[in-house]
Amino acid sequence: MKLVIVFFLSSTSLFSQVDSLILSNTPSWVRSVLFESSLMQSYELDYTRNPFYLEADFNGDGLVDIAFFVKSKMEGREGILIVNRGKNIGFILGAGKDMGMGANISWCDTWSVYRHKYIYNFKDKKKKYIIYNPGVELVKTENTSLVIYWDKKRYKTHVKNL
């Protein structure tokens, strides 16, 4: 019995205070991807963003998904982790992989859930894409943003000029 108690105490000490806050303030279904998946061995959560995570049904399966900012452990490049609740699978965009505005999204000033049906390019006033589910909008400046959306098969990006 003492061995089990010692192991339990030593395993909980592996988490930082921030990780403890994440554990207590995120839904239980997402924690296995954040703390136990092989995907996250190469990335770490970026705790400096506000809001810390976004929630919406990004892939249209009727379940709420969650998006986080992450950093590549090797290069320090920033990206987005979207965890789809239905299959509890994580997808990394950026953090060393080109997303249409580079492979590092450290340029992002603000982010939010994009709930519009269309992604417009306001310079020519034409509709660019119809999206069926909420997306993640990463805003670079007052004039440019990047929208991450699900195209029924995978996550894609579109640069939006305001």
N, C-alpha and C. Protein backbone atom coordinates (compact mmCIF):
# COMPACT_ATOMS: atom_id res chain seq x y z
N MET A 1 0.81 -1.19 0.00
CA MET A 1 0.00 0.00 0.00
C MET A 1 0.85 1.25 0.00
N LYS A 2 1.95 1.27 0.75
CA LYS A 2 2.82 2.44 0.78
C LYS A 2 3.42 2.71 -0.59
N LEU A 3 3.76 1.66 -1.32
CA LEU A 3 4.34 1.82 -2.65
C LEU A 3 3.37 2.54 -3.58
N VAL A 4 2.12 2.22 -3.53
CA VAL A 4 1.11 2.86 -4.36
C VAL A 4 0.98 4.33 -3.99
N ILE A 5 0.97 4.64 -2.72
CA ILE A 5 0.85 6.03 -2.27
C ILE A 5 2.07 6.83 -2.69
N VAL A 6 3.25 6.28 -2.56
CA VAL A 6 4.47 6.98 -2.96
C VAL A 6 4.45 7.22 -4.46
N PHE A 7 4.06 6.24 -5.24
CA PHE A 7 3.99 6.40 -6.68
C PHE A 7 2.99 7.48 -7.05
N PHE A 8 1.85 7.48 -6.41
CA PHE A 8 0.83 8.48 -6.70
C PHE A 8 1.36 9.88 -6.41
N LEU A 9 2.03 10.06 -5.29
CA LEU A 9 2.57 11.37 -4.95
C LEU A 9 3.65 11.80 -5.91
N SER A 10 4.50 10.87 -6.32
CA SER A 10 5.57 11.26 -7.24
C SER A 10 5.02 11.55 -8.63
N SER A 11 3.98 10.84 -9.05
CA SER A 11 3.43 11.11 -10.38
C SER A 11 2.70 12.45 -10.41
N THR A 12 2.09 12.86 -9.33
CA THR A 12 1.42 14.16 -9.33
C THR A 12 2.42 15.29 -9.25
N SER A 13 3.59 15.06 -8.71
CA SER A 13 4.58 16.12 -8.62
C SER A 13 5.19 16.44 -9.99
N LEU A 14 4.96 15.59 -11.00
CA LEU A 14 5.44 15.87 -12.34
C LEU A 14 4.73 17.06 -12.96
N PHE A 15 3.54 17.35 -12.51
CA PHE A 15 2.78 18.47 -13.05
C PHE A 15 3.16 19.76 -12.35
N SER A 16 3.26 20.81 -13.12
CA SER A 16 3.51 22.13 -12.54
C SER A 16 2.21 22.69 -11.98
N GLN A 17 2.30 23.82 -11.33
CA GLN A 17 1.09 24.47 -10.83
C GLN A 17 0.17 24.84 -11.99
N VAL A 18 0.75 25.26 -13.09
CA VAL A 18 -0.06 25.61 -14.27
C VAL A 18 -0.79 24.38 -14.79
N ASP A 19 -0.08 23.24 -14.88
CA ASP A 19 -0.72 22.01 -15.33
C ASP A 19 -1.86 21.62 -14.39
N SER A 20 -1.69 21.86 -13.11
CA SER A 20 -2.77 21.58 -12.15
C SER A 20 -3.98 22.45 -12.43
N LEU A 21 -3.74 23.70 -12.76
CA LEU A 21 -4.86 24.59 -13.12
C LEU A 21 -5.55 24.11 -14.39
N ILE A 22 -4.76 23.66 -15.36
CA ILE A 22 -5.34 23.14 -16.60
C ILE A 22 -6.18 21.92 -16.30
N LEU A 23 -5.66 21.02 -15.47
CA LEU A 23 -6.41 19.83 -15.09
C LEU A 23 -7.76 20.17 -14.47
N SER A 24 -7.77 21.19 -13.62
CA SER A 24 -9.00 21.52 -12.92
C SER A 24 -9.95 22.41 -13.72
N ASN A 25 -9.47 23.01 -14.83
CA ASN A 25 -10.31 23.95 -15.57
C ASN A 25 -10.58 23.55 -17.02
N THR A 26 -10.26 22.35 -17.39
CA THR A 26 -10.60 21.86 -18.72
C THR A 26 -11.49 20.63 -18.58
N PRO A 27 -12.31 20.37 -19.59
CA PRO A 27 -13.16 19.18 -19.53
C PRO A 27 -12.31 17.91 -19.46
N SER A 28 -12.80 16.92 -18.76
CA SER A 28 -12.03 15.68 -18.55
C SER A 28 -11.72 14.97 -19.86
N TRP A 29 -12.59 15.05 -20.85
CA TRP A 29 -12.37 14.32 -22.10
C TRP A 29 -11.14 14.83 -22.87
N VAL A 30 -10.73 16.07 -22.69
CA VAL A 30 -9.60 16.61 -23.43
C VAL A 30 -8.26 16.33 -22.76
N ARG A 31 -8.27 15.98 -21.51
CA ARG A 31 -7.03 15.82 -20.74
C ARG A 31 -6.14 14.69 -21.25
N SER A 32 -6.73 13.62 -21.76
CA SER A 32 -5.90 12.53 -22.26
C SER A 32 -5.07 12.98 -23.46
N VAL A 33 -5.60 13.85 -24.29
CA VAL A 33 -4.83 14.37 -25.42
C VAL A 33 -3.76 15.33 -24.92
N LEU A 34 -4.10 16.18 -23.95
CA LEU A 34 -3.15 17.18 -23.46
C LEU A 34 -1.99 16.57 -22.68
N PHE A 35 -2.25 15.54 -21.90
CA PHE A 35 -1.23 15.04 -20.97
C PHE A 35 -0.72 13.63 -21.26
N GLU A 36 -1.41 12.86 -22.10
CA GLU A 36 -1.02 11.48 -22.29
C GLU A 36 -0.75 11.08 -23.74
N SER A 37 -1.07 11.92 -24.70
CA SER A 37 -0.96 11.52 -26.10
C SER A 37 0.46 11.67 -26.61
N SER A 38 0.80 10.86 -27.60
CA SER A 38 2.11 10.97 -28.24
C SER A 38 2.22 12.27 -29.03
N LEU A 39 1.11 12.79 -29.49
CA LEU A 39 1.10 14.06 -30.22
C LEU A 39 1.72 15.18 -29.40
N MET A 40 1.39 15.25 -28.12
CA MET A 40 1.86 16.34 -27.28
C MET A 40 3.29 16.15 -26.77
N GLN A 41 3.95 15.08 -27.14
CA GLN A 41 5.35 14.92 -26.77
C GLN A 41 6.23 15.95 -27.47
N SER A 42 5.79 16.44 -28.63
CA SER A 42 6.56 17.42 -29.40
C SER A 42 6.09 18.85 -29.19
N TYR A 43 5.00 19.04 -28.45
CA TYR A 43 4.42 20.36 -28.26
C TYR A 43 4.11 20.61 -26.80
N GLU A 44 4.00 21.89 -26.46
CA GLU A 44 3.56 22.27 -25.12
C GLU A 44 2.50 23.34 -25.24
N LEU A 45 1.60 23.38 -24.28
CA LEU A 45 0.56 24.40 -24.28
C LEU A 45 1.16 25.77 -24.05
N ASP A 46 0.61 26.77 -24.72
CA ASP A 46 1.03 28.16 -24.53
C ASP A 46 0.04 28.79 -23.55
N TYR A 47 0.50 29.01 -22.33
CA TYR A 47 -0.37 29.50 -21.27
C TYR A 47 -0.54 31.02 -21.30
N THR A 48 0.13 31.70 -22.23
CA THR A 48 0.12 33.17 -22.22
C THR A 48 -1.06 33.77 -22.98
N ARG A 49 -1.81 32.97 -23.72
CA ARG A 49 -2.91 33.50 -24.54
C ARG A 49 -4.18 33.67 -23.73
N ASN A 50 -4.93 34.69 -24.11
CA ASN A 50 -6.21 34.95 -23.47
C ASN A 50 -7.25 35.18 -24.56
N PRO A 51 -8.29 34.38 -24.63
CA PRO A 51 -8.61 33.29 -23.70
C PRO A 51 -7.66 32.11 -23.89
N PHE A 52 -7.56 31.30 -22.87
CA PHE A 52 -6.65 30.17 -22.89
C PHE A 52 -7.06 29.14 -23.93
N TYR A 53 -8.36 28.89 -24.06
CA TYR A 53 -8.83 27.99 -25.11
C TYR A 53 -10.17 28.46 -25.63
N LEU A 54 -10.53 27.96 -26.83
CA LEU A 54 -11.80 28.27 -27.47
C LEU A 54 -12.61 26.99 -27.58
N GLU A 55 -13.93 27.12 -27.42
CA GLU A 55 -14.83 25.97 -27.54
C GLU A 55 -15.88 26.23 -28.60
N ALA A 56 -16.11 25.26 -29.47
CA ALA A 56 -17.19 25.29 -30.46
C ALA A 56 -17.22 23.91 -31.12
N ASP A 57 -18.26 23.64 -31.87
CA ASP A 57 -18.32 22.40 -32.64
C ASP A 57 -17.62 22.67 -33.97
N PHE A 58 -16.31 22.58 -33.98
CA PHE A 58 -15.51 22.94 -35.15
C PHE A 58 -15.69 21.97 -36.32
N ASN A 59 -15.96 20.69 -36.05
CA ASN A 59 -16.06 19.72 -37.15
C ASN A 59 -17.49 19.26 -37.45
N GLY A 60 -18.49 19.82 -36.81
CA GLY A 60 -19.88 19.55 -37.17
C GLY A 60 -20.43 18.21 -36.74
N ASP A 61 -19.83 17.57 -35.74
CA ASP A 61 -20.35 16.27 -35.30
C ASP A 61 -21.35 16.39 -34.15
N GLY A 62 -21.69 17.62 -33.79
CA GLY A 62 -22.65 17.83 -32.71
C GLY A 62 -22.04 17.88 -31.32
N LEU A 63 -20.72 17.75 -31.22
CA LEU A 63 -20.02 17.78 -29.94
C LEU A 63 -19.08 18.98 -29.90
N VAL A 64 -18.91 19.54 -28.72
CA VAL A 64 -18.04 20.71 -28.56
C VAL A 64 -16.58 20.27 -28.62
N ASP A 65 -15.80 20.93 -29.47
CA ASP A 65 -14.37 20.70 -29.60
C ASP A 65 -13.63 21.86 -28.93
N ILE A 66 -12.33 21.70 -28.73
CA ILE A 66 -11.55 22.73 -28.04
C ILE A 66 -10.28 23.03 -28.83
N ALA A 67 -9.92 24.33 -28.90
CA ALA A 67 -8.68 24.77 -29.54
C ALA A 67 -7.78 25.43 -28.50
N PHE A 68 -6.49 25.14 -28.59
CA PHE A 68 -5.47 25.70 -27.70
C PHE A 68 -4.33 26.26 -28.54
N PHE A 69 -3.61 27.22 -28.02
CA PHE A 69 -2.32 27.62 -28.59
C PHE A 69 -1.27 26.66 -28.07
N VAL A 70 -0.35 26.24 -28.96
CA VAL A 70 0.75 25.37 -28.57
C VAL A 70 2.05 25.92 -29.13
N LYS A 71 3.16 25.41 -28.59
CA LYS A 71 4.50 25.73 -29.10
C LYS A 71 5.23 24.43 -29.36
N SER A 72 5.98 24.41 -30.45
CA SER A 72 6.85 23.28 -30.73
C SER A 72 7.98 23.28 -29.71
N LYS A 73 8.23 22.15 -29.09
CA LYS A 73 9.30 22.05 -28.09
C LYS A 73 10.68 22.21 -28.73
N MET A 74 10.84 21.76 -29.96
CA MET A 74 12.15 21.82 -30.63
C MET A 74 12.48 23.23 -31.12
N GLU A 75 11.52 23.89 -31.78
CA GLU A 75 11.80 25.16 -32.44
C GLU A 75 11.16 26.36 -31.76
N GLY A 76 10.21 26.13 -30.87
CA GLY A 76 9.51 27.22 -30.21
C GLY A 76 8.48 27.91 -31.10
N ARG A 77 8.17 27.32 -32.25
CA ARG A 77 7.18 27.92 -33.15
C ARG A 77 5.77 27.68 -32.59
N GLU A 78 4.92 28.68 -32.79
CA GLU A 78 3.57 28.61 -32.24
C GLU A 78 2.58 28.08 -33.27
N GLY A 79 1.54 27.43 -32.76
CA GLY A 79 0.49 26.89 -33.61
C GLY A 79 -0.78 26.68 -32.80
N ILE A 80 -1.72 25.99 -33.42
CA ILE A 80 -3.02 25.71 -32.82
C ILE A 80 -3.20 24.20 -32.71
N LEU A 81 -3.67 23.75 -31.57
CA LEU A 81 -4.10 22.37 -31.37
C LEU A 81 -5.61 22.39 -31.28
N ILE A 82 -6.27 21.65 -32.16
CA ILE A 82 -7.72 21.48 -32.07
C ILE A 82 -7.98 20.04 -31.70
N VAL A 83 -8.73 19.84 -30.62
CA VAL A 83 -9.07 18.49 -30.17
C VAL A 83 -10.54 18.26 -30.48
N ASN A 84 -10.80 17.29 -31.35
CA ASN A 84 -12.17 16.91 -31.69
C ASN A 84 -12.67 15.93 -30.65
N ARG A 85 -13.77 16.29 -30.02
CA ARG A 85 -14.27 15.48 -28.91
C ARG A 85 -14.75 14.10 -29.31
N GLY A 86 -15.43 13.98 -30.43
CA GLY A 86 -16.03 12.71 -30.83
C GLY A 86 -15.04 11.55 -30.82
N LYS A 87 -13.89 11.75 -31.44
CA LYS A 87 -12.86 10.71 -31.49
C LYS A 87 -11.69 11.02 -30.57
N ASN A 88 -11.75 12.17 -29.90
CA ASN A 88 -10.70 12.60 -28.98
C ASN A 88 -9.33 12.61 -29.68
N ILE A 89 -9.33 13.22 -30.87
CA ILE A 89 -8.13 13.30 -31.69
C ILE A 89 -7.68 14.75 -31.76
N GLY A 90 -6.36 14.96 -31.67
CA GLY A 90 -5.80 16.29 -31.77
C GLY A 90 -5.22 16.56 -33.14
N PHE A 91 -5.37 17.79 -33.61
CA PHE A 91 -4.82 18.24 -34.89
C PHE A 91 -3.97 19.48 -34.62
N ILE A 92 -2.74 19.48 -35.12
CA ILE A 92 -1.84 20.62 -34.97
C ILE A 92 -1.79 21.38 -36.29
N LEU A 93 -1.97 22.69 -36.21
CA LEU A 93 -1.83 23.57 -37.36
C LEU A 93 -0.81 24.64 -37.00
N GLY A 94 0.15 24.88 -37.87
CA GLY A 94 1.24 25.79 -37.54
C GLY A 94 2.28 25.06 -36.72
N ALA A 95 2.94 25.76 -35.82
CA ALA A 95 3.98 25.17 -34.94
C ALA A 95 5.03 24.42 -35.76
N GLY A 96 5.45 25.05 -36.88
CA GLY A 96 6.45 24.44 -37.75
C GLY A 96 5.88 23.95 -39.06
N LYS A 97 4.54 23.93 -39.20
CA LYS A 97 3.89 23.49 -40.44
C LYS A 97 3.20 24.71 -41.06
N ASP A 98 3.45 24.98 -42.34
CA ASP A 98 2.89 26.17 -42.98
C ASP A 98 1.36 26.11 -42.99
N MET A 99 0.73 27.24 -42.66
CA MET A 99 -0.73 27.34 -42.60
C MET A 99 -1.30 28.37 -43.58
N GLY A 100 -0.49 28.92 -44.45
CA GLY A 100 -0.98 29.96 -45.34
C GLY A 100 -0.47 31.34 -44.97
N MET A 101 -0.08 31.51 -43.72
CA MET A 101 0.55 32.75 -43.26
C MET A 101 1.81 32.41 -42.48
N GLY A 102 2.48 31.36 -42.94
CA GLY A 102 3.72 30.94 -42.30
C GLY A 102 3.53 29.73 -41.40
N ALA A 103 4.65 29.25 -40.90
CA ALA A 103 4.66 28.06 -40.05
C ALA A 103 4.72 28.41 -38.57
N ASN A 104 4.75 29.70 -38.27
CA ASN A 104 4.80 30.17 -36.90
C ASN A 104 3.75 31.27 -36.75
N ILE A 105 2.80 31.09 -35.85
CA ILE A 105 1.74 32.10 -35.72
C ILE A 105 1.96 33.00 -34.51
N SER A 106 3.22 33.26 -34.21
CA SER A 106 3.52 34.20 -33.13
C SER A 106 3.03 35.61 -33.47
N TRP A 107 2.73 35.85 -34.74
CA TRP A 107 2.20 37.14 -35.20
C TRP A 107 0.78 37.39 -34.72
N CYS A 108 0.09 36.38 -34.25
CA CYS A 108 -1.33 36.51 -33.89
C CYS A 108 -1.51 37.42 -32.67
N ASP A 109 -2.29 38.49 -32.86
CA ASP A 109 -2.57 39.41 -31.76
C ASP A 109 -3.77 38.97 -30.94
N THR A 110 -4.82 38.52 -31.60
CA THR A 110 -6.03 38.05 -30.91
C THR A 110 -6.57 36.83 -31.65
N TRP A 111 -7.39 36.08 -30.94
CA TRP A 111 -8.05 34.94 -31.58
C TRP A 111 -9.45 34.80 -31.02
N SER A 112 -10.33 34.20 -31.83
CA SER A 112 -11.72 34.04 -31.41
C SER A 112 -12.37 32.96 -32.26
N VAL A 113 -13.58 32.57 -31.85
CA VAL A 113 -14.37 31.64 -32.64
C VAL A 113 -15.00 32.43 -33.79
N TYR A 114 -14.84 31.92 -35.01
CA TYR A 114 -15.40 32.54 -36.21
C TYR A 114 -16.73 31.86 -36.50
N ARG A 115 -17.83 32.58 -36.38
CA ARG A 115 -19.16 31.98 -36.48
C ARG A 115 -19.94 32.39 -37.73
N HIS A 116 -19.28 33.01 -38.68
CA HIS A 116 -19.96 33.43 -39.90
C HIS A 116 -20.07 32.27 -40.88
N LYS A 117 -21.07 32.32 -41.75
CA LYS A 117 -21.28 31.24 -42.72
C LYS A 117 -20.30 31.33 -43.88
N TYR A 118 -19.83 32.53 -44.18
CA TYR A 118 -18.91 32.74 -45.29
C TYR A 118 -17.60 33.34 -44.78
N ILE A 119 -16.53 33.04 -45.51
CA ILE A 119 -15.27 33.74 -45.30
C ILE A 119 -15.13 34.69 -46.48
N TYR A 120 -15.14 35.98 -46.18
CA TYR A 120 -15.07 37.00 -47.21
C TYR A 120 -13.67 37.55 -47.36
N ASN A 121 -13.37 38.01 -48.57
CA ASN A 121 -12.20 38.83 -48.80
C ASN A 121 -12.75 40.21 -49.14
N PHE A 122 -12.71 41.13 -48.18
CA PHE A 122 -13.39 42.40 -48.33
C PHE A 122 -12.74 43.35 -49.33
N LYS A 123 -11.53 43.04 -49.80
CA LYS A 123 -10.91 43.90 -50.80
C LYS A 123 -11.67 43.85 -52.13
N ASP A 124 -12.19 42.68 -52.49
CA ASP A 124 -12.93 42.59 -53.74
C ASP A 124 -14.42 42.27 -53.53
N LYS A 125 -14.86 42.24 -52.27
CA LYS A 125 -16.27 42.05 -51.90
C LYS A 125 -16.90 40.77 -52.44
N LYS A 126 -16.11 39.76 -52.72
CA LYS A 126 -16.65 38.49 -53.21
C LYS A 126 -16.58 37.44 -52.11
N LYS A 127 -17.58 36.55 -52.10
CA LYS A 127 -17.55 35.43 -51.16
C LYS A 127 -16.42 34.50 -51.56
N LYS A 128 -15.66 34.06 -50.61
CA LYS A 128 -14.56 33.14 -50.91
C LYS A 128 -14.95 31.69 -50.63
N TYR A 129 -15.40 31.43 -49.41
CA TYR A 129 -15.72 30.06 -49.03
C TYR A 129 -16.97 30.03 -48.15
N ILE A 130 -17.76 29.00 -48.36
CA ILE A 130 -18.86 28.72 -47.44
C ILE A 130 -18.28 27.77 -46.40
N ILE A 131 -18.49 28.08 -45.12
CA ILE A 131 -18.10 27.13 -44.08
C ILE A 131 -19.34 26.73 -43.30
N TYR A 132 -19.40 25.49 -42.93
CA TYR A 132 -20.61 24.93 -42.34
C TYR A 132 -20.58 24.88 -40.82
N ASN A 133 -19.41 25.09 -40.25
CA ASN A 133 -19.25 25.02 -38.80
C ASN A 133 -18.42 26.21 -38.35
N PRO A 134 -18.44 26.51 -37.07
CA PRO A 134 -17.56 27.58 -36.58
C PRO A 134 -16.10 27.24 -36.86
N GLY A 135 -15.29 28.28 -36.98
CA GLY A 135 -13.86 28.11 -37.19
C GLY A 135 -13.10 28.86 -36.11
N VAL A 136 -11.79 28.92 -36.26
CA VAL A 136 -10.93 29.68 -35.37
C VAL A 136 -10.34 30.81 -36.19
N GLU A 137 -10.53 32.05 -35.74
CA GLU A 137 -9.96 33.20 -36.44
C GLU A 137 -8.76 33.73 -35.67
N LEU A 138 -7.63 33.82 -36.36
CA LEU A 138 -6.40 34.35 -35.81
C LEU A 138 -6.18 35.71 -36.46
N VAL A 139 -6.17 36.77 -35.67
CA VAL A 139 -6.09 38.12 -36.21
C VAL A 139 -4.65 38.61 -36.11
N LYS A 140 -4.10 39.02 -37.26
CA LYS A 140 -2.74 39.54 -37.31
C LYS A 140 -2.74 41.05 -37.10
N THR A 141 -3.53 41.75 -37.86
CA THR A 141 -3.63 43.20 -37.77
C THR A 141 -5.08 43.58 -37.96
N GLU A 142 -5.34 44.85 -38.05
CA GLU A 142 -6.70 45.29 -38.33
C GLU A 142 -7.12 44.89 -39.74
N ASN A 143 -6.17 44.53 -40.60
CA ASN A 143 -6.48 44.27 -42.00
C ASN A 143 -6.42 42.81 -42.43
N THR A 144 -5.81 41.95 -41.63
CA THR A 144 -5.58 40.58 -42.06
C THR A 144 -5.83 39.59 -40.93
N SER A 145 -6.47 38.48 -41.30
CA SER A 145 -6.63 37.39 -40.34
C SER A 145 -6.59 36.07 -41.08
N LEU A 146 -6.49 35.01 -40.33
CA LEU A 146 -6.48 33.66 -40.87
C LEU A 146 -7.61 32.90 -40.20
N VAL A 147 -8.43 32.23 -41.00
CA VAL A 147 -9.53 31.43 -40.46
C VAL A 147 -9.21 29.96 -40.67
N ILE A 148 -9.28 29.19 -39.59
CA ILE A 148 -9.11 27.74 -39.63
C ILE A 148 -10.51 27.14 -39.60
N TYR A 149 -10.81 26.26 -40.54
CA TYR A 149 -12.14 25.68 -40.62
C TYR A 149 -12.06 24.22 -41.05
N TRP A 150 -13.11 23.47 -40.75
CA TRP A 150 -13.21 22.05 -41.10
C TRP A 150 -13.93 21.95 -42.44
N ASP A 151 -13.34 21.24 -43.41
CA ASP A 151 -13.97 21.11 -44.73
C ASP A 151 -14.65 19.76 -44.92
N LYS A 152 -15.07 19.15 -43.86
CA LYS A 152 -15.73 17.84 -43.80
C LYS A 152 -14.76 16.66 -43.84
N LYS A 153 -13.45 16.95 -44.07
CA LYS A 153 -12.44 15.90 -44.08
C LYS A 153 -11.23 16.24 -43.23
N ARG A 154 -10.86 17.53 -43.21
CA ARG A 154 -9.66 17.97 -42.50
C ARG A 154 -9.78 19.46 -42.21
N TYR A 155 -8.85 19.95 -41.40
CA TYR A 155 -8.81 21.39 -41.13
C TYR A 155 -8.03 22.09 -42.23
N LYS A 156 -8.58 23.21 -42.70
CA LYS A 156 -7.95 24.01 -43.73
C LYS A 156 -7.88 25.45 -43.24
N THR A 157 -7.15 26.27 -43.95
CA THR A 157 -7.02 27.68 -43.58
C THR A 157 -7.34 28.57 -44.78
N HIS A 158 -7.77 29.78 -44.47
CA HIS A 158 -8.01 30.77 -45.50
C HIS A 158 -7.59 32.13 -44.96
N VAL A 159 -6.76 32.84 -45.71
CA VAL A 159 -6.33 34.18 -45.34
C VAL A 159 -7.46 35.14 -45.70
N LYS A 160 -7.86 35.94 -44.73
CA LYS A 160 -8.96 36.88 -44.92
C LYS A 160 -8.41 38.29 -44.83
N ASN A 161 -8.56 39.06 -45.91
CA ASN A 161 -8.17 40.46 -45.91
C ASN A 161 -9.40 41.30 -45.64
N LEU A 162 -9.32 42.16 -44.65
CA LEU A 162 -10.47 42.98 -44.27
C LEU A 162 -10.51 44.28 -45.06
